[in-house]
Amino acid sequence: MSTMIRVNCFFQATDGDTYKDALRAAVALTELSRKHAGCIAYDVFQSATRSDVFMFCETWKDDASLKAHSETPEFAKYGKAMRDCGQLKVEKLEF
């Protein structure tokens, strides 16, 4: 039996301008990632209490699907854009 994967990825911007750039990259990545094989859910949420933070919440069918997603050109492109704008912290949960 496959184990589903939940990924929570938290982003914190270095400043207000970089936050806007990172959020644009996050929305673009979200739209493309929803089409990836094995994607059950994928969304990005802005913090209601912190203007420099947003979070991805992803659910994948299995680890192979997540691995394939992480090897796509858009993941590399938009992931780099976000890392250039701030810090990412990733939590991976299996259920």
C-alpha atoms as a PDB file:
ATOM      1  CA  MET A   1       0.000   0.000   0.000  1.00  0.00           C
ATOM      2  CA  SER A   2       1.295   3.461  -0.941  1.00  0.00           C
ATOM      3  CA  THR A   3       1.733   6.148   1.647  1.00  0.00           C
ATOM      4  CA  MET A   4       0.320   9.590   0.828  1.00  0.00           C
ATOM      5  CA  ILE A   5       2.666  12.508   1.350  1.00  0.00           C
ATOM      6  CA  ARG A   6       1.820  15.935   2.802  1.00  0.00           C
ATOM      7  CA  VAL A   7       4.306  18.742   2.349  1.00  0.00           C
ATOM      8  CA  ASN A   8       4.020  22.017   4.235  1.00  0.00           C
ATOM      9  CA  CYS A   9       6.491  24.566   2.934  1.00  0.00           C
ATOM     10  CA  PHE A  10       6.797  27.886   4.740  1.00  0.00           C
ATOM     11  CA  PHE A  11       8.279  30.941   3.039  1.00  0.00           C
ATOM     12  CA  GLN A  12       9.559  34.074   4.786  1.00  0.00           C
ATOM     13  CA  ALA A  13      10.589  37.052   2.654  1.00  0.00           C
ATOM     14  CA  THR A  14      13.646  39.189   3.221  1.00  0.00           C
ATOM     15  CA  ASP A  15      11.546  42.342   2.558  1.00  0.00           C
ATOM     16  CA  GLY A  16       8.233  43.577   1.121  1.00  0.00           C
ATOM     17  CA  ASP A  17       9.379  43.779  -2.484  1.00  0.00           C
ATOM     18  CA  THR A  18      10.808  40.276  -2.484  1.00  0.00           C
ATOM     19  CA  TYR A  19       7.612  38.958  -0.894  1.00  0.00           C
ATOM     20  CA  LYS A  20       5.599  40.106  -3.920  1.00  0.00           C
ATOM     21  CA  ASP A  21       8.068  38.488  -6.329  1.00  0.00           C
ATOM     22  CA  ALA A  22       8.080  35.246  -4.350  1.00  0.00           C
ATOM     23  CA  LEU A  23       4.283  35.137  -4.166  1.00  0.00           C
ATOM     24  CA  ARG A  24       4.026  35.526  -7.952  1.00  0.00           C
ATOM     25  CA  ALA A  25       6.433  32.587  -8.342  1.00  0.00           C
ATOM     26  CA  ALA A  26       4.451  30.571  -5.786  1.00  0.00           C
ATOM     27  CA  VAL A  27       1.149  31.111  -7.602  1.00  0.00           C
ATOM     28  CA  ALA A  28       2.720  30.156 -10.941  1.00  0.00           C
ATOM     29  CA  LEU A  29       4.224  27.002  -9.415  1.00  0.00           C
ATOM     30  CA  THR A  30       0.905  26.117  -7.780  1.00  0.00           C
ATOM     31  CA  GLU A  31      -1.021  26.359 -11.061  1.00  0.00           C
ATOM     32  CA  LEU A  32       1.465  24.104 -12.864  1.00  0.00           C
ATOM     33  CA  SER A  33       1.906  21.646  -9.989  1.00  0.00           C
ATOM     34  CA  ARG A  34      -1.809  20.893  -9.786  1.00  0.00           C
ATOM     35  CA  LYS A  35      -1.446  19.273 -13.222  1.00  0.00           C
ATOM     36  CA  HIS A  36       1.382  16.934 -12.178  1.00  0.00           C
ATOM     37  CA  ALA A  37       0.654  13.219 -11.988  1.00  0.00           C
ATOM     38  CA  GLY A  38      -0.062  12.139  -8.435  1.00  0.00           C
ATOM     39  CA  CYS A  39      -1.000  15.616  -7.174  1.00  0.00           C
ATOM     40  CA  ILE A  40      -4.028  15.321  -4.902  1.00  0.00           C
ATOM     41  CA  ALA A  41      -4.013  18.908  -3.600  1.00  0.00           C
ATOM     42  CA  TYR A  42      -1.685  21.889  -3.952  1.00  0.00           C
ATOM     43  CA  ASP A  43      -2.290  25.442  -2.797  1.00  0.00           C
ATOM     44  CA  VAL A  44      -0.520  28.474  -1.412  1.00  0.00           C
ATOM     45  CA  PHE A  45      -1.851  30.479   1.552  1.00  0.00           C
ATOM     46  CA  GLN A  46      -0.888  33.967   2.736  1.00  0.00           C
ATOM     47  CA  SER A  47      -0.535  34.530   6.470  1.00  0.00           C
ATOM     48  CA  ALA A  48      -3.289  36.601   8.063  1.00  0.00           C
ATOM     49  CA  THR A  49      -0.932  37.747  10.819  1.00  0.00           C
ATOM     50  CA  ARG A  50       2.446  38.203   9.072  1.00  0.00           C
ATOM     51  CA  SER A  51       2.917  40.191   5.880  1.00  0.00           C
ATOM     52  CA  ASP A  52       6.207  38.449   5.051  1.00  0.00           C
ATOM     53  CA  VAL A  53       5.021  34.809   5.212  1.00  0.00           C
ATOM     54  CA  PHE A  54       3.111  32.386   3.002  1.00  0.00           C
ATOM     55  CA  MET A  55       2.794  28.616   2.981  1.00  0.00           C
ATOM     56  CA  PHE A  56       2.388  25.843   0.437  1.00  0.00           C
ATOM     57  CA  CYS A  57       0.237  22.918   1.425  1.00  0.00           C
ATOM     58  CA  GLU A  58       0.668  19.937  -0.896  1.00  0.00           C
ATOM     59  CA  THR A  59      -0.716  16.398  -0.884  1.00  0.00           C
ATOM     60  CA  TRP A  60       0.802  13.752  -3.147  1.00  0.00           C
ATOM     61  CA  LYS A  61      -0.345  10.237  -3.990  1.00  0.00           C
ATOM     62  CA  ASP A  62       3.040   8.815  -3.036  1.00  0.00           C
ATOM     63  CA  ASP A  63       6.736   9.591  -2.680  1.00  0.00           C
ATOM     64  CA  ALA A  64       7.386   8.806  -6.371  1.00  0.00           C
ATOM     65  CA  SER A  65       4.891  11.498  -7.419  1.00  0.00           C
ATOM     66  CA  LEU A  66       6.527  14.048  -5.130  1.00  0.00           C
ATOM     67  CA  LYS A  67       9.970  13.124  -6.438  1.00  0.00           C
ATOM     68  CA  ALA A  68       8.823  13.526 -10.057  1.00  0.00           C
ATOM     69  CA  HIS A  69       7.317  16.927  -9.190  1.00  0.00           C
ATOM     70  CA  SER A  70      10.557  18.075  -7.581  1.00  0.00           C
ATOM     71  CA  GLU A  71      12.479  17.212 -10.772  1.00  0.00           C
ATOM     72  CA  THR A  72      10.362  19.355 -13.123  1.00  0.00           C
ATOM     73  CA  PRO A  73      11.755  22.474 -14.818  1.00  0.00           C
ATOM     74  CA  GLU A  74       9.080  24.664 -13.221  1.00  0.00           C
ATOM     75  CA  PHE A  75       9.977  23.422  -9.740  1.00  0.00           C
ATOM     76  CA  ALA A  76      13.627  24.359 -10.390  1.00  0.00           C
ATOM     77  CA  LYS A  77      12.723  27.753 -11.892  1.00  0.00           C
ATOM     78  CA  TYR A  78      10.155  28.914  -9.347  1.00  0.00           C
ATOM     79  CA  GLY A  79      11.913  27.297  -6.396  1.00  0.00           C
ATOM     80  CA  LYS A  80      15.053  29.277  -7.217  1.00  0.00           C
ATOM     81  CA  ALA A  81      13.006  32.466  -7.589  1.00  0.00           C
ATOM     82  CA  MET A  82      11.577  31.978  -4.095  1.00  0.00           C
ATOM     83  CA  ARG A  83      14.935  31.066  -2.524  1.00  0.00           C
ATOM     84  CA  ASP A  84      16.362  34.270  -4.044  1.00  0.00           C
ATOM     85  CA  CYS A  85      13.649  36.228  -2.184  1.00  0.00           C
ATOM     86  CA  GLY A  86      13.781  34.673   1.263  1.00  0.00           C
ATOM     87  CA  GLN A  87      13.914  31.447   3.251  1.00  0.00           C
ATOM     88  CA  LEU A  88      11.974  28.209   2.827  1.00  0.00           C
ATOM     89  CA  LYS A  89      11.322  25.653   5.537  1.00  0.00           C
ATOM     90  CA  VAL A  90       9.876  22.283   4.492  1.00  0.00           C
ATOM     91  CA  GLU A  91       7.954  19.736   6.578  1.00  0.00           C
ATOM     92  CA  LYS A  92       7.215  16.352   5.010  1.00  0.00           C
ATOM     93  CA  LEU A  93       4.604  14.064   6.553  1.00  0.00           C
ATOM     94  CA  GLU A  94       3.541  10.575   5.498  1.00  0.00           C
ATOM     95  CA  PHE A  95       0.082   9.160   6.156  1.00  0.00           C
END
